[in-house]
Amino acid sequence: MSGYTCNPRYNTPSPDVLRKLELSRLEAENVKTREMRCPICGFLLRIIPVTQTDIVFVKCRKCKFDGALSPAYFRRIRNCRVNRMQWEEL
């Protein structure tokens, strides 16, 4: 449990908090995740669990897109340029 490093200006976490951190880390190792990318520029916004379907409020650091996204609608965006070209052809 001593694998966690903290800033020295803060108090060392209690043994109970360290136990909860370790349990959280072990639980998180088994969760499958996926990337959520910006729908405008494709920049990586967050890494979320596969099972998450709640609305996520994001702000892109690259193109400054700011809004709410539903992971259910944005399952996979391969390349925004390719997607735009396909839509323009239709």
Protein backbone atom coordinates (compact mmCIF):
# COMPACT_ATOMS: atom_id res chain seq x y z
CA MET A 1 0.00 0.00 0.00
CA SER A 2 3.00 2.30 0.09
CA GLY A 3 2.96 2.64 -3.72
CA TYR A 4 1.12 5.96 -3.53
CA THR A 5 3.14 9.14 -3.48
CA CYS A 6 1.74 12.36 -2.11
CA ASN A 7 2.93 15.92 -2.08
CA PRO A 8 4.97 16.35 1.13
CA ARG A 9 3.14 19.54 2.10
CA TYR A 10 -0.04 17.48 2.67
CA ASN A 11 -0.53 15.06 5.51
CA THR A 12 0.03 11.37 4.86
CA PRO A 13 -3.31 9.63 4.22
CA SER A 14 -4.68 7.50 7.02
CA PRO A 15 -4.46 3.71 6.76
CA ASP A 16 -8.20 3.59 6.05
CA VAL A 17 -7.83 5.94 3.07
CA LEU A 18 -4.83 3.97 1.80
CA ARG A 19 -6.88 0.76 2.02
CA LYS A 20 -9.71 2.37 0.01
CA LEU A 21 -7.22 3.60 -2.60
CA GLU A 22 -5.81 0.10 -2.98
CA LEU A 23 -9.27 -1.44 -3.28
CA SER A 24 -10.22 1.17 -5.89
CA ARG A 25 -7.06 0.48 -7.89
CA LEU A 26 -7.71 -3.28 -7.85
CA GLU A 27 -11.33 -2.78 -8.90
CA ALA A 28 -10.36 -0.38 -11.70
CA GLU A 29 -7.92 -2.88 -13.22
CA ASN A 30 -10.84 -5.10 -14.28
CA VAL A 31 -12.89 -2.35 -15.93
CA LYS A 32 -12.82 -2.13 -19.73
CA THR A 33 -12.44 1.43 -20.96
CA ARG A 34 -12.67 3.37 -24.19
CA GLU A 35 -11.64 6.78 -25.40
CA MET A 36 -14.09 9.64 -25.80
CA ARG A 37 -12.84 12.04 -28.45
CA CYS A 38 -13.97 15.51 -29.47
CA PRO A 39 -16.63 15.32 -32.20
CA ILE A 40 -15.14 18.38 -33.91
CA CYS A 41 -11.37 17.78 -33.99
CA GLY A 42 -10.90 14.23 -32.65
CA PHE A 43 -8.76 15.26 -29.65
CA LEU A 44 -8.84 12.84 -26.70
CA LEU A 45 -11.25 14.24 -24.10
CA ARG A 46 -11.61 11.44 -21.56
CA ILE A 47 -11.19 7.75 -21.00
CA ILE A 48 -14.49 6.34 -19.76
CA PRO A 49 -15.77 2.90 -18.78
CA VAL A 50 -17.47 0.95 -21.56
CA THR A 51 -20.64 0.63 -19.49
CA GLN A 52 -21.05 4.37 -18.87
CA THR A 53 -24.11 5.85 -20.58
CA ASP A 54 -24.59 9.02 -18.52
CA ILE A 55 -24.16 12.46 -20.03
CA VAL A 56 -20.58 13.78 -19.81
CA PHE A 57 -19.82 17.51 -19.77
CA VAL A 58 -16.56 18.18 -21.61
CA LYS A 59 -14.41 21.00 -22.92
CA CYS A 60 -11.87 20.32 -25.66
CA ARG A 61 -8.47 21.84 -24.97
CA LYS A 62 -7.67 21.93 -28.68
CA CYS A 63 -10.70 23.40 -30.50
CA LYS A 64 -12.52 24.78 -27.40
CA PHE A 65 -15.71 22.77 -28.02
CA ASP A 66 -17.74 23.00 -24.83
CA GLY A 67 -20.82 20.90 -24.31
CA ALA A 68 -22.52 17.77 -23.13
CA LEU A 69 -21.95 14.45 -24.88
CA SER A 70 -23.75 11.18 -24.47
CA PRO A 71 -21.34 8.24 -24.70
CA ALA A 72 -24.15 6.21 -26.25
CA TYR A 73 -24.08 8.41 -29.38
CA PHE A 74 -20.30 8.77 -29.59
CA ARG A 75 -19.16 5.16 -29.49
CA ARG A 76 -16.51 5.46 -32.16
CA ILE A 77 -15.10 8.34 -34.16
CA ARG A 78 -12.29 7.07 -36.33
CA ASN A 79 -11.17 10.15 -38.21
CA CYS A 80 -13.18 13.34 -38.32
CA ARG A 81 -11.79 14.35 -41.71
CA VAL A 82 -12.88 11.08 -43.27
CA ASN A 83 -16.31 11.40 -41.65
CA ARG A 84 -16.73 14.96 -42.99
CA MET A 85 -15.74 13.92 -46.51
CA GLN A 86 -18.25 11.06 -46.43
CA TRP A 87 -21.02 13.44 -45.32
CA GLU A 88 -20.11 15.96 -48.01
CA GLU A 89 -20.33 13.26 -50.69
CA LEU A 90 -23.89 12.37 -49.62
